[in-house]
Amino acid sequence: RISWSGDSVYYADSVKGRFTISRGSAKNT
């Protein structure tokens, strides 16, 4: 998961180090 601002992210242990969550600058993607 990721916050609206992108300041806070959290991953399941099973994907840490392999997956990266992000969102576009427009915040709609």
mmCIF file of all heavy atoms, coordinates in Angstrom:
data_MODEL
# 
_entry.id   MODEL 
# 
loop_
_atom_site.group_PDB 
_atom_site.id 
_atom_site.type_symbol 
_atom_site.label_atom_id 
_atom_site.label_alt_id 
_atom_site.label_comp_id 
_atom_site.label_asym_id 
_atom_site.label_entity_id 
_atom_site.label_seq_id 
_atom_site.pdbx_PDB_ins_code 
_atom_site.Cartn_x 
_atom_site.Cartn_y 
_atom_site.Cartn_z 
_atom_site.occupancy 
_atom_site.B_iso_or_equiv 
_atom_site.pdbx_formal_charge 
_atom_site.auth_seq_id 
_atom_site.auth_comp_id 
_atom_site.auth_asym_id 
_atom_site.auth_atom_id 
_atom_site.pdbx_PDB_model_num 
ATOM 1   N N   . ARG A 1 1  ? 0.834  -1.191  0.000   1.00 0.00 ? 1  ARG A N   1 
ATOM 2   C CA  . ARG A 1 1  ? 0.000  0.000   0.000   1.00 0.00 ? 1  ARG A CA  1 
ATOM 3   C C   . ARG A 1 1  ? 0.872  1.244   0.000   1.00 0.00 ? 1  ARG A C   1 
ATOM 4   O O   . ARG A 1 1  ? 2.036  1.213   0.395   1.00 0.00 ? 1  ARG A O   1 
ATOM 5   C CB  . ARG A 1 1  ? -0.958 0.024   1.192   1.00 0.00 ? 1  ARG A CB  1 
ATOM 6   C CG  . ARG A 1 1  ? -0.303 0.275   2.535   1.00 0.00 ? 1  ARG A CG  1 
ATOM 7   C CD  . ARG A 1 1  ? -1.343 0.582   3.600   1.00 0.00 ? 1  ARG A CD  1 
ATOM 8   N NE  . ARG A 1 1  ? -0.724 0.855   4.895   1.00 0.00 ? 1  ARG A NE  1 
ATOM 9   C CZ  . ARG A 1 1  ? -0.604 -0.033  5.875   1.00 0.00 ? 1  ARG A CZ  1 
ATOM 10  N NH1 . ARG A 1 1  ? -1.084 -1.273  5.717   1.00 0.00 ? 1  ARG A NH1 1 
ATOM 11  N NH2 . ARG A 1 1  ? -0.025 0.307   7.008   1.00 0.00 ? 1  ARG A NH2 1 
ATOM 12  N N   . ILE A 1 2  ? 0.273  2.346   -0.428  1.00 0.00 ? 2  ILE A N   1 
ATOM 13  C CA  . ILE A 1 2  ? 0.977  3.613   -0.491  1.00 0.00 ? 2  ILE A CA  1 
ATOM 14  C C   . ILE A 1 2  ? 0.004  4.733   -0.167  1.00 0.00 ? 2  ILE A C   1 
ATOM 15  O O   . ILE A 1 2  ? -1.163 4.693   -0.554  1.00 0.00 ? 2  ILE A O   1 
ATOM 16  C CB  . ILE A 1 2  ? 1.628  3.824   -1.882  1.00 0.00 ? 2  ILE A CB  1 
ATOM 17  C CG1 . ILE A 1 2  ? 2.499  5.076   -1.899  1.00 0.00 ? 2  ILE A CG1 1 
ATOM 18  C CG2 . ILE A 1 2  ? 0.568  3.866   -2.976  1.00 0.00 ? 2  ILE A CG2 1 
ATOM 19  C CD1 . ILE A 1 2  ? 3.364  5.184   -3.155  1.00 0.00 ? 2  ILE A CD1 1 
ATOM 20  N N   . SER A 1 3  ? 0.484  5.725   0.560   1.00 0.00 ? 3  SER A N   1 
ATOM 21  C CA  . SER A 1 3  ? -0.344 6.868   0.896   1.00 0.00 ? 3  SER A CA  1 
ATOM 22  C C   . SER A 1 3  ? -0.531 7.759   -0.319  1.00 0.00 ? 3  SER A C   1 
ATOM 23  O O   . SER A 1 3  ? 0.147  7.616   -1.339  1.00 0.00 ? 3  SER A O   1 
ATOM 24  C CB  . SER A 1 3  ? 0.289  7.659   2.043   1.00 0.00 ? 3  SER A CB  1 
ATOM 25  O OG  . SER A 1 3  ? 1.534  8.205   1.643   1.00 0.00 ? 3  SER A OG  1 
ATOM 26  N N   . TRP A 1 4  ? -1.457 8.693   -0.213  1.00 0.00 ? 4  TRP A N   1 
ATOM 27  C CA  . TRP A 1 4  ? -1.726 9.602   -1.319  1.00 0.00 ? 4  TRP A CA  1 
ATOM 28  C C   . TRP A 1 4  ? -0.470 10.384  -1.702  1.00 0.00 ? 4  TRP A C   1 
ATOM 29  O O   . TRP A 1 4  ? -0.172 10.555  -2.889  1.00 0.00 ? 4  TRP A O   1 
ATOM 30  C CB  . TRP A 1 4  ? -2.854 10.567  -0.945  1.00 0.00 ? 4  TRP A CB  1 
ATOM 31  C CG  . TRP A 1 4  ? -3.248 11.467  -2.073  1.00 0.00 ? 4  TRP A CG  1 
ATOM 32  C CD1 . TRP A 1 4  ? -4.181 11.216  -3.031  1.00 0.00 ? 4  TRP A CD1 1 
ATOM 33  C CD2 . TRP A 1 4  ? -2.704 12.762  -2.360  1.00 0.00 ? 4  TRP A CD2 1 
ATOM 34  N NE1 . TRP A 1 4  ? -4.260 12.280  -3.907  1.00 0.00 ? 4  TRP A NE1 1 
ATOM 35  C CE2 . TRP A 1 4  ? -3.370 13.241  -3.519  1.00 0.00 ? 4  TRP A CE2 1 
ATOM 36  C CE3 . TRP A 1 4  ? -1.734 13.559  -1.763  1.00 0.00 ? 4  TRP A CE3 1 
ATOM 37  C CZ2 . TRP A 1 4  ? -3.082 14.483  -4.075  1.00 0.00 ? 4  TRP A CZ2 1 
ATOM 38  C CZ3 . TRP A 1 4  ? -1.445 14.796  -2.328  1.00 0.00 ? 4  TRP A CZ3 1 
ATOM 39  C CH2 . TRP A 1 4  ? -2.120 15.243  -3.461  1.00 0.00 ? 4  TRP A CH2 1 
ATOM 40  N N   . SER A 1 5  ? 0.258  10.859  -0.721  1.00 0.00 ? 5  SER A N   1 
ATOM 41  C CA  . SER A 1 5  ? 1.449  11.650  -0.978  1.00 0.00 ? 5  SER A CA  1 
ATOM 42  C C   . SER A 1 5  ? 2.638  10.801  -1.422  1.00 0.00 ? 5  SER A C   1 
ATOM 43  O O   . SER A 1 5  ? 3.596  11.329  -1.981  1.00 0.00 ? 5  SER A O   1 
ATOM 44  C CB  . SER A 1 5  ? 1.838  12.438  0.271   1.00 0.00 ? 5  SER A CB  1 
ATOM 45  O OG  . SER A 1 5  ? 2.241  11.576  1.310   1.00 0.00 ? 5  SER A OG  1 
ATOM 46  N N   . GLY A 1 6  ? 2.576  9.519   -1.152  1.00 0.00 ? 6  GLY A N   1 
ATOM 47  C CA  . GLY A 1 6  ? 3.698  8.648   -1.439  1.00 0.00 ? 6  GLY A CA  1 
ATOM 48  C C   . GLY A 1 6  ? 4.722  8.582   -0.329  1.00 0.00 ? 6  GLY A C   1 
ATOM 49  O O   . GLY A 1 6  ? 5.727  7.871   -0.455  1.00 0.00 ? 6  GLY A O   1 
ATOM 50  N N   . ASP A 1 7  ? 4.480  9.297   0.747   1.00 0.00 ? 7  ASP A N   1 
ATOM 51  C CA  . ASP A 1 7  ? 5.434  9.338   1.851   1.00 0.00 ? 7  ASP A CA  1 
ATOM 52  C C   . ASP A 1 7  ? 5.473  8.045   2.643   1.00 0.00 ? 7  ASP A C   1 
ATOM 53  O O   . ASP A 1 7  ? 6.494  7.726   3.263   1.00 0.00 ? 7  ASP A O   1 
ATOM 54  C CB  . ASP A 1 7  ? 5.095  10.488  2.804   1.00 0.00 ? 7  ASP A CB  1 
ATOM 55  C CG  . ASP A 1 7  ? 5.310  11.851  2.181   1.00 0.00 ? 7  ASP A CG  1 
ATOM 56  O OD1 . ASP A 1 7  ? 6.091  11.949  1.219   1.00 0.00 ? 7  ASP A OD1 1 
ATOM 57  O OD2 . ASP A 1 7  ? 4.702  12.821  2.669   1.00 0.00 ? 7  ASP A OD2 1 
ATOM 58  N N   . SER A 1 8  ? 4.378  7.318   2.641   1.00 0.00 ? 8  SER A N   1 
ATOM 59  C CA  . SER A 1 8  ? 4.279  6.107   3.435   1.00 0.00 ? 8  SER A CA  1 
ATOM 60  C C   . SER A 1 8  ? 3.982  4.911   2.539   1.00 0.00 ? 8  SER A C   1 
ATOM 61  O O   . SER A 1 8  ? 3.021  4.924   1.774   1.00 0.00 ? 8  SER A O   1 
ATOM 62  C CB  . SER A 1 8  ? 3.186  6.260   4.491   1.00 0.00 ? 8  SER A CB  1 
ATOM 63  O OG  . SER A 1 8  ? 3.039  5.082   5.255   1.00 0.00 ? 8  SER A OG  1 
ATOM 64  N N   . VAL A 1 9  ? 4.819  3.897   2.639   1.00 0.00 ? 9  VAL A N   1 
ATOM 65  C CA  . VAL A 1 9  ? 4.608  2.650   1.907   1.00 0.00 ? 9  VAL A CA  1 
ATOM 66  C C   . VAL A 1 9  ? 4.742  1.484   2.865   1.00 0.00 ? 9  VAL A C   1 
ATOM 67  O O   . VAL A 1 9  ? 5.430  1.566   3.888   1.00 0.00 ? 9  VAL A O   1 
ATOM 68  C CB  . VAL A 1 9  ? 5.597  2.489   0.736   1.00 0.00 ? 9  VAL A CB  1 
ATOM 69  C CG1 . VAL A 1 9  ? 5.387  3.579   -0.302  1.00 0.00 ? 9  VAL A CG1 1 
ATOM 70  C CG2 . VAL A 1 9  ? 7.037  2.519   1.238   1.00 0.00 ? 9  VAL A CG2 1 
ATOM 71  N N   . TYR A 1 10 ? 4.088  0.395   2.523   1.00 0.00 ? 10 TYR A N   1 
ATOM 72  C CA  . TYR A 1 10 ? 4.127  -0.786  3.372   1.00 0.00 ? 10 TYR A CA  1 
ATOM 73  C C   . TYR A 1 10 ? 3.975  -2.008  2.493   1.00 0.00 ? 10 TYR A C   1 
ATOM 74  O O   . TYR A 1 10 ? 3.139  -2.030  1.587   1.00 0.00 ? 10 TYR A O   1 
ATOM 75  C CB  . TYR A 1 10 ? 3.012  -0.728  4.418   1.00 0.00 ? 10 TYR A CB  1 
ATOM 76  C CG  . TYR A 1 10 ? 3.065  -1.827  5.435   1.00 0.00 ? 10 TYR A CG  1 
ATOM 77  C CD1 . TYR A 1 10 ? 3.934  -1.750  6.513   1.00 0.00 ? 10 TYR A CD1 1 
ATOM 78  C CD2 . TYR A 1 10 ? 2.246  -2.955  5.320   1.00 0.00 ? 10 TYR A CD2 1 
ATOM 79  C CE1 . TYR A 1 10 ? 3.987  -2.762  7.454   1.00 0.00 ? 10 TYR A CE1 1 
ATOM 80  C CE2 . TYR A 1 10 ? 2.297  -3.973  6.249   1.00 0.00 ? 10 TYR A CE2 1 
ATOM 81  C CZ  . TYR A 1 10 ? 3.167  -3.871  7.317   1.00 0.00 ? 10 TYR A CZ  1 
ATOM 82  O OH  . TYR A 1 10 ? 3.222  -4.872  8.247   1.00 0.00 ? 10 TYR A OH  1 
ATOM 83  N N   . TYR A 1 11 ? 4.776  -3.030  2.773   1.00 0.00 ? 11 TYR A N   1 
ATOM 84  C CA  . TYR A 1 11 ? 4.776  -4.238  1.964   1.00 0.00 ? 11 TYR A CA  1 
ATOM 85  C C   . TYR A 1 11 ? 4.551  -5.478  2.806   1.00 0.00 ? 11 TYR A C   1 
ATOM 86  O O   . TYR A 1 11 ? 4.971  -5.548  3.966   1.00 0.00 ? 11 TYR A O   1 
ATOM 87  C CB  . TYR A 1 11 ? 6.113  -4.406  1.241   1.00 0.00 ? 11 TYR A CB  1 
ATOM 88  C CG  . TYR A 1 11 ? 6.452  -3.303  0.277   1.00 0.00 ? 11 TYR A CG  1 
ATOM 89  C CD1 . TYR A 1 11 ? 7.236  -2.220  0.672   1.00 0.00 ? 11 TYR A CD1 1 
ATOM 90  C CD2 . TYR A 1 11 ? 6.001  -3.344  -1.037  1.00 0.00 ? 11 TYR A CD2 1 
ATOM 91  C CE1 . TYR A 1 11 ? 7.552  -1.216  -0.209  1.00 0.00 ? 11 TYR A CE1 1 
ATOM 92  C CE2 . TYR A 1 11 ? 6.320  -2.339  -1.929  1.00 0.00 ? 11 TYR A CE2 1 
ATOM 93  C CZ  . TYR A 1 11 ? 7.096  -1.276  -1.510  1.00 0.00 ? 11 TYR A CZ  1 
ATOM 94  O OH  . TYR A 1 11 ? 7.409  -0.274  -2.401  1.00 0.00 ? 11 TYR A OH  1 
ATOM 95  N N   . ALA A 1 12 ? 3.920  -6.448  2.197   1.00 0.00 ? 12 ALA A N   1 
ATOM 96  C CA  . ALA A 1 12 ? 3.878  -7.762  2.805   1.00 0.00 ? 12 ALA A CA  1 
ATOM 97  C C   . ALA A 1 12 ? 5.293  -8.328  2.833   1.00 0.00 ? 12 ALA A C   1 
ATOM 98  O O   . ALA A 1 12 ? 6.105  -8.068  1.939   1.00 0.00 ? 12 ALA A O   1 
ATOM 99  C CB  . ALA A 1 12 ? 2.955  -8.688  2.016   1.00 0.00 ? 12 ALA A CB  1 
ATOM 100 N N   . ASP A 1 13 ? 5.586  -9.108  3.858   1.00 0.00 ? 13 ASP A N   1 
ATOM 101 C CA  . ASP A 1 13 ? 6.925  -9.669  3.990   1.00 0.00 ? 13 ASP A CA  1 
ATOM 102 C C   . ASP A 1 13 ? 7.334  -10.489 2.766   1.00 0.00 ? 13 ASP A C   1 
ATOM 103 O O   . ASP A 1 13 ? 8.507  -10.508 2.383   1.00 0.00 ? 13 ASP A O   1 
ATOM 104 C CB  . ASP A 1 13 ? 7.014  -10.548 5.237   1.00 0.00 ? 13 ASP A CB  1 
ATOM 105 C CG  . ASP A 1 13 ? 6.988  -9.748  6.524   1.00 0.00 ? 13 ASP A CG  1 
ATOM 106 O OD1 . ASP A 1 13 ? 7.258  -8.532  6.486   1.00 0.00 ? 13 ASP A OD1 1 
ATOM 107 O OD2 . ASP A 1 13 ? 6.700  -10.344 7.577   1.00 0.00 ? 13 ASP A OD2 1 
ATOM 108 N N   . SER A 1 14 ? 6.383  -11.130 2.151   1.00 0.00 ? 14 SER A N   1 
ATOM 109 C CA  . SER A 1 14 ? 6.677  -12.019 1.042   1.00 0.00 ? 14 SER A CA  1 
ATOM 110 C C   . SER A 1 14 ? 7.171  -11.300 -0.213  1.00 0.00 ? 14 SER A C   1 
ATOM 111 O O   . SER A 1 14 ? 7.760  -11.940 -1.092  1.00 0.00 ? 14 SER A O   1 
ATOM 112 C CB  . SER A 1 14 ? 5.441  -12.854 0.694   1.00 0.00 ? 14 SER A CB  1 
ATOM 113 O OG  . SER A 1 14 ? 4.359  -12.028 0.314   1.00 0.00 ? 14 SER A OG  1 
ATOM 114 N N   . VAL A 1 15 ? 6.952  -9.997  -0.292  1.00 0.00 ? 15 VAL A N   1 
ATOM 115 C CA  . VAL A 1 15 ? 7.339  -9.260  -1.497  1.00 0.00 ? 15 VAL A CA  1 
ATOM 116 C C   . VAL A 1 15 ? 8.381  -8.189  -1.235  1.00 0.00 ? 15 VAL A C   1 
ATOM 117 O O   . VAL A 1 15 ? 8.830  -7.532  -2.186  1.00 0.00 ? 15 VAL A O   1 
ATOM 118 C CB  . VAL A 1 15 ? 6.111  -8.630  -2.187  1.00 0.00 ? 15 VAL A CB  1 
ATOM 119 C CG1 . VAL A 1 15 ? 5.062  -9.690  -2.480  1.00 0.00 ? 15 VAL A CG1 1 
ATOM 120 C CG2 . VAL A 1 15 ? 5.526  -7.503  -1.338  1.00 0.00 ? 15 VAL A CG2 1 
ATOM 121 N N   . LYS A 1 16 ? 8.784  -8.003  -0.005  1.00 0.00 ? 16 LYS A N   1 
ATOM 122 C CA  . LYS A 1 16 ? 9.778  -6.990  0.313   1.00 0.00 ? 16 LYS A CA  1 
ATOM 123 C C   . LYS A 1 16 ? 11.075 -7.243  -0.446  1.00 0.00 ? 16 LYS A C   1 
ATOM 124 O O   . LYS A 1 16 ? 11.562 -8.365  -0.509  1.00 0.00 ? 16 LYS A O   1 
ATOM 125 C CB  . LYS A 1 16 ? 10.059 -6.967  1.814   1.00 0.00 ? 16 LYS A CB  1 
ATOM 126 C CG  . LYS A 1 16 ? 8.944  -6.385  2.650   1.00 0.00 ? 16 LYS A CG  1 
ATOM 127 C CD  . LYS A 1 16 ? 9.304  -6.383  4.127   1.00 0.00 ? 16 LYS A CD  1 
ATOM 128 C CE  . LYS A 1 16 ? 8.195  -5.780  4.960   1.00 0.00 ? 16 LYS A CE  1 
ATOM 129 N NZ  . LYS A 1 16 ? 8.510  -5.822  6.404   1.00 0.00 ? 16 LYS A NZ  1 
ATOM 130 N N   . GLY A 1 17 ? 11.596 -6.186  -1.023  1.00 0.00 ? 17 GLY A N   1 
ATOM 131 C CA  . GLY A 1 17 ? 12.831 -6.287  -1.775  1.00 0.00 ? 17 GLY A CA  1 
ATOM 132 C C   . GLY A 1 17 ? 12.639 -6.666  -3.224  1.00 0.00 ? 17 GLY A C   1 
ATOM 133 O O   . GLY A 1 17 ? 13.584 -6.562  -4.015  1.00 0.00 ? 17 GLY A O   1 
ATOM 134 N N   . ARG A 1 18 ? 11.452 -7.110  -3.587  1.00 0.00 ? 18 ARG A N   1 
ATOM 135 C CA  . ARG A 1 18 ? 11.177 -7.517  -4.963  1.00 0.00 ? 18 ARG A CA  1 
ATOM 136 C C   . ARG A 1 18 ? 10.126 -6.645  -5.638  1.00 0.00 ? 18 ARG A C   1 
ATOM 137 O O   . ARG A 1 18 ? 10.204 -6.398  -6.843  1.00 0.00 ? 18 ARG A O   1 
ATOM 138 C CB  . ARG A 1 18 ? 10.725 -8.971  -5.017  1.00 0.00 ? 18 ARG A CB  1 
ATOM 139 C CG  . ARG A 1 18 ? 11.766 -9.961  -4.517  1.00 0.00 ? 18 ARG A CG  1 
ATOM 140 C CD  . ARG A 1 18 ? 11.351 -11.396 -4.804  1.00 0.00 ? 18 ARG A CD  1 
ATOM 141 N NE  . ARG A 1 18 ? 10.102 -11.750 -4.127  1.00 0.00 ? 18 ARG A NE  1 
ATOM 142 C CZ  . ARG A 1 18 ? 8.977  -12.092 -4.755  1.00 0.00 ? 18 ARG A CZ  1 
ATOM 143 N NH1 . ARG A 1 18 ? 8.936  -12.140 -6.087  1.00 0.00 ? 18 ARG A NH1 1 
ATOM 144 N NH2 . ARG A 1 18 ? 7.895  -12.415 -4.056  1.00 0.00 ? 18 ARG A NH2 1 
ATOM 145 N N   . PHE A 1 19 ? 9.139  -6.214  -4.878  1.00 0.00 ? 19 PHE A N   1 
ATOM 146 C CA  . PHE A 1 19 ? 8.049  -5.403  -5.417  1.00 0.00 ? 19 PHE A CA  1 
ATOM 147 C C   . PHE A 1 19 ? 8.198  -3.963  -4.950  1.00 0.00 ? 19 PHE A C   1 
ATOM 148 O O   . PHE A 1 19 ? 8.653  -3.707  -3.829  1.00 0.00 ? 19 PHE A O   1 
ATOM 149 C CB  . PHE A 1 19 ? 6.692  -5.929  -4.957  1.00 0.00 ? 19 PHE A CB  1 
ATOM 150 C CG  . PHE A 1 19 ? 6.279  -7.252  -5.545  1.00 0.00 ? 19 PHE A CG  1 
ATOM 151 C CD1 . PHE A 1 19 ? 7.172  -8.051  -6.231  1.00 0.00 ? 19 PHE A CD1 1 
ATOM 152 C CD2 . PHE A 1 19 ? 4.969  -7.684  -5.397  1.00 0.00 ? 19 PHE A CD2 1 
ATOM 153 C CE1 . PHE A 1 19 ? 6.787  -9.271  -6.765  1.00 0.00 ? 19 PHE A CE1 1 
ATOM 154 C CE2 . PHE A 1 19 ? 4.570  -8.900  -5.927  1.00 0.00 ? 19 PHE A CE2 1 
ATOM 155 C CZ  . PHE A 1 19 ? 5.478  -9.696  -6.608  1.00 0.00 ? 19 PHE A CZ  1 
ATOM 156 N N   . THR A 1 20 ? 7.783  -3.034  -5.792  1.00 0.00 ? 20 THR A N   1 
ATOM 157 C CA  . THR A 1 20 ? 7.804  -1.619  -5.450  1.00 0.00 ? 20 THR A CA  1 
ATOM 158 C C   . THR A 1 20 ? 6.481  -0.981  -5.840  1.00 0.00 ? 20 THR A C   1 
ATOM 159 O O   . THR A 1 20 ? 6.068  -1.058  -6.995  1.00 0.00 ? 20 THR A O   1 
ATOM 160 C CB  . THR A 1 20 ? 8.950  -0.878  -6.151  1.00 0.00 ? 20 THR A CB  1 
ATOM 161 O OG1 . THR A 1 20 ? 10.201 -1.486  -5.819  1.00 0.00 ? 20 THR A OG1 1 
ATOM 162 C CG2 . THR A 1 20 ? 8.977  0.587   -5.715  1.00 0.00 ? 20 THR A CG2 1 
ATOM 163 N N   . ILE A 1 21 ? 5.835  -0.362  -4.879  1.00 0.00 ? 21 ILE A N   1 
ATOM 164 C CA  . ILE A 1 21 ? 4.589  0.333   -5.147  1.00 0.00 ? 21 ILE A CA  1 
ATOM 165 C C   . ILE A 1 21 ? 4.869  1.816   -5.320  1.00 0.00 ? 21 ILE A C   1 
ATOM 166 O O   . ILE A 1 21 ? 5.726  2.390   -4.646  1.00 0.00 ? 21 ILE A O   1 
ATOM 167 C CB  . ILE A 1 21 ? 3.561  0.087   -4.019  1.00 0.00 ? 21 ILE A CB  1 
ATOM 168 C CG1 . ILE A 1 21 ? 2.187  0.639   -4.408  1.00 0.00 ? 21 ILE A CG1 1 
ATOM 169 C CG2 . ILE A 1 21 ? 4.037  0.670   -2.697  1.00 0.00 ? 21 ILE A CG2 1 
ATOM 170 C CD1 . ILE A 1 21 ? 1.075  0.251   -3.445  1.00 0.00 ? 21 ILE A CD1 1 
ATOM 171 N N   . SER A 1 22 ? 4.160  2.439   -6.229  1.00 0.00 ? 22 SER A N   1 
ATOM 172 C CA  . SER A 1 22 ? 4.328  3.860   -6.469  1.00 0.00 ? 22 SER A CA  1 
ATOM 173 C C   . SER A 1 22 ? 3.035  4.406   -7.062  1.00 0.00 ? 22 SER A C   1 
ATOM 174 O O   . SER A 1 22 ? 2.115  3.660   -7.390  1.00 0.00 ? 22 SER A O   1 
ATOM 175 C CB  . SER A 1 22 ? 5.511  4.133   -7.399  1.00 0.00 ? 22 SER A CB  1 
ATOM 176 O OG  . SER A 1 22 ? 5.299  3.553   -8.675  1.00 0.00 ? 22 SER A OG  1 
ATOM 177 N N   . ARG A 1 23 ? 2.978  5.717   -7.203  1.00 0.00 ? 23 ARG A N   1 
ATOM 178 C CA  . ARG A 1 23 ? 1.850  6.329   -7.877  1.00 0.00 ? 23 ARG A CA  1 
ATOM 179 C C   . ARG A 1 23 ? 2.336  7.508   -8.689  1.00 0.00 ? 23 ARG A C   1 
ATOM 180 O O   . ARG A 1 23 ? 3.348  8.131   -8.370  1.00 0.00 ? 23 ARG A O   1 
ATOM 181 C CB  . ARG A 1 23 ? 0.748  6.716   -6.890  1.00 0.00 ? 23 ARG A CB  1 
ATOM 182 C CG  . ARG A 1 23 ? 1.113  7.706   -5.815  1.00 0.00 ? 23 ARG A CG  1 
ATOM 183 C CD  . ARG A 1 23 ? 0.097  7.665   -4.681  1.00 0.00 ? 23 ARG A CD  1 
ATOM 184 N NE  . ARG A 1 23 ? -1.278 7.788   -5.155  1.00 0.00 ? 23 ARG A NE  1 
ATOM 185 C CZ  . ARG A 1 23 ? -2.363 7.551   -4.416  1.00 0.00 ? 23 ARG A CZ  1 
ATOM 186 N NH1 . ARG A 1 23 ? -2.228 7.167   -3.155  1.00 0.00 ? 23 ARG A NH1 1 
ATOM 187 N NH2 . ARG A 1 23 ? -3.576 7.694   -4.935  1.00 0.00 ? 23 ARG A NH2 1 
ATOM 188 N N   . GLY A 1 24 ? 1.611  7.808   -9.744  1.00 0.00 ? 24 GLY A N   1 
ATOM 189 C CA  . GLY A 1 24 ? 2.003  8.868   -10.644 1.00 0.00 ? 24 GLY A CA  1 
ATOM 190 C C   . GLY A 1 24 ? 1.909  10.226  -10.005 1.00 0.00 ? 24 GLY A C   1 
ATOM 191 O O   . GLY A 1 24 ? 1.261  10.417  -8.975  1.00 0.00 ? 24 GLY A O   1 
ATOM 192 N N   . SER A 1 25 ? 2.569  11.186  -10.640 1.00 0.00 ? 25 SER A N   1 
ATOM 193 C CA  . SER A 1 25 ? 2.581  12.544  -10.102 1.00 0.00 ? 25 SER A CA  1 
ATOM 194 C C   . SER A 1 25 ? 1.194  13.160  -10.055 1.00 0.00 ? 25 SER A C   1 
ATOM 195 O O   . SER A 1 25 ? 0.919  14.005  -9.192  1.00 0.00 ? 25 SER A O   1 
ATOM 196 C CB  . SER A 1 25 ? 3.527  13.426  -10.914 1.00 0.00 ? 25 SER A CB  1 
ATOM 197 O OG  . SER A 1 25 ? 3.138  13.475  -12.277 1.00 0.00 ? 25 SER A OG  1 
ATOM 198 N N   . ALA A 1 26 ? 0.332  12.743  -10.957 1.00 0.00 ? 26 ALA A N   1 
ATOM 199 C CA  . ALA A 1 26 ? -1.038 13.246  -10.974 1.00 0.00 ? 26 ALA A CA  1 
ATOM 200 C C   . ALA A 1 26 ? -1.920 12.581  -9.930  1.00 0.00 ? 26 ALA A C   1 
ATOM 201 O O   . ALA A 1 26 ? -3.053 12.998  -9.724  1.00 0.00 ? 26 ALA A O   1 
ATOM 202 C CB  . ALA A 1 26 ? -1.645 13.066  -12.357 1.00 0.00 ? 26 ALA A CB  1 
ATOM 203 N N   . LYS A 1 27 ? -1.428 11.542  -9.303  1.00 0.00 ? 27 LYS A N   1 
ATOM 204 C CA  . LYS A 1 27 ? -2.085 10.829  -8.205  1.00 0.00 ? 27 LYS A CA  1 
ATOM 205 C C   . LYS A 1 27 ? -3.316 10.041  -8.634  1.00 0.00 ? 27 LYS A C   1 
ATOM 206 O O   . LYS A 1 27 ? -4.048 9.544   -7.784  1.00 0.00 ? 27 LYS A O   1 
ATOM 207 C CB  . LYS A 1 27 ? -2.459 11.795  -7.074  1.00 0.00 ? 27 LYS A CB  1 
ATOM 208 C CG  . LYS A 1 27 ? -1.319 12.682  -6.596  1.00 0.00 ? 27 LYS A CG  1 
ATOM 209 C CD  . LYS A 1 27 ? -0.133 11.878  -6.101  1.00 0.00 ? 27 LYS A CD  1 
ATOM 210 C CE  . LYS A 1 27 ? 0.979  12.791  -5.603  1.00 0.00 ? 27 LYS A CE  1 
ATOM 211 N NZ  . LYS A 1 27 ? 2.192  12.028  -5.212  1.00 0.00 ? 27 LYS A NZ  1 
ATOM 212 N N   . ASN A 1 28 ? -3.546 9.932   -9.921  1.00 0.00 ? 28 ASN A N   1 
ATOM 213 C CA  . ASN A 1 28 ? -4.685 9.161   -10.388 1.00 0.00 ? 28 ASN A CA  1 
ATOM 214 C C   . ASN A 1 28 ? -4.284 7.807   -10.972 1.00 0.00 ? 28 ASN A C   1 
ATOM 215 O O   . ASN A 1 28 ? -5.132 7.095   -11.522 1.00 0.00 ? 28 ASN A O   1 
ATOM 216 C CB  . ASN A 1 28 ? -5.486 9.959   -11.412 1.00 0.00 ? 28 ASN A CB  1 
ATOM 217 C CG  . ASN A 1 28 ? -4.679 10.292  -12.653 1.00 0.00 ? 28 ASN A CG  1 
ATOM 218 O OD1 . ASN A 1 28 ? -3.463 10.140  -12.683 1.00 0.00 ? 28 ASN A OD1 1 
ATOM 219 N ND2 . ASN A 1 28 ? -5.366 10.750  -13.688 1.00 0.00 ? 28 ASN A ND2 1 
ATOM 220 N N   . THR A 1 29 ? -3.027 7.474   -10.854 1.00 0.00 ? 29 THR A N   1 
ATOM 221 C CA  . THR A 1 29 ? -2.530 6.198   -11.341 1.00 0.00 ? 29 THR A CA  1 
ATOM 222 C C   . THR A 1 29 ? -1.557 5.603   -10.332 1.00 0.00 ? 29 THR A C   1 
ATOM 223 O O   . THR A 1 29 ? -0.693 6.308   -9.815  1.00 0.00 ? 29 THR A O   1 
ATOM 224 C CB  . THR A 1 29 ? -1.832 6.338   -12.694 1.00 0.00 ? 29 THR A CB  1 
ATOM 225 O OG1 . THR A 1 29 ? -2.718 6.960   -13.636 1.00 0.00 ? 29 THR A OG1 1 
ATOM 226 C CG2 . THR A 1 29 ? -1.426 4.982   -13.238 1.00 0.00 ? 29 THR A CG2 1 
# 
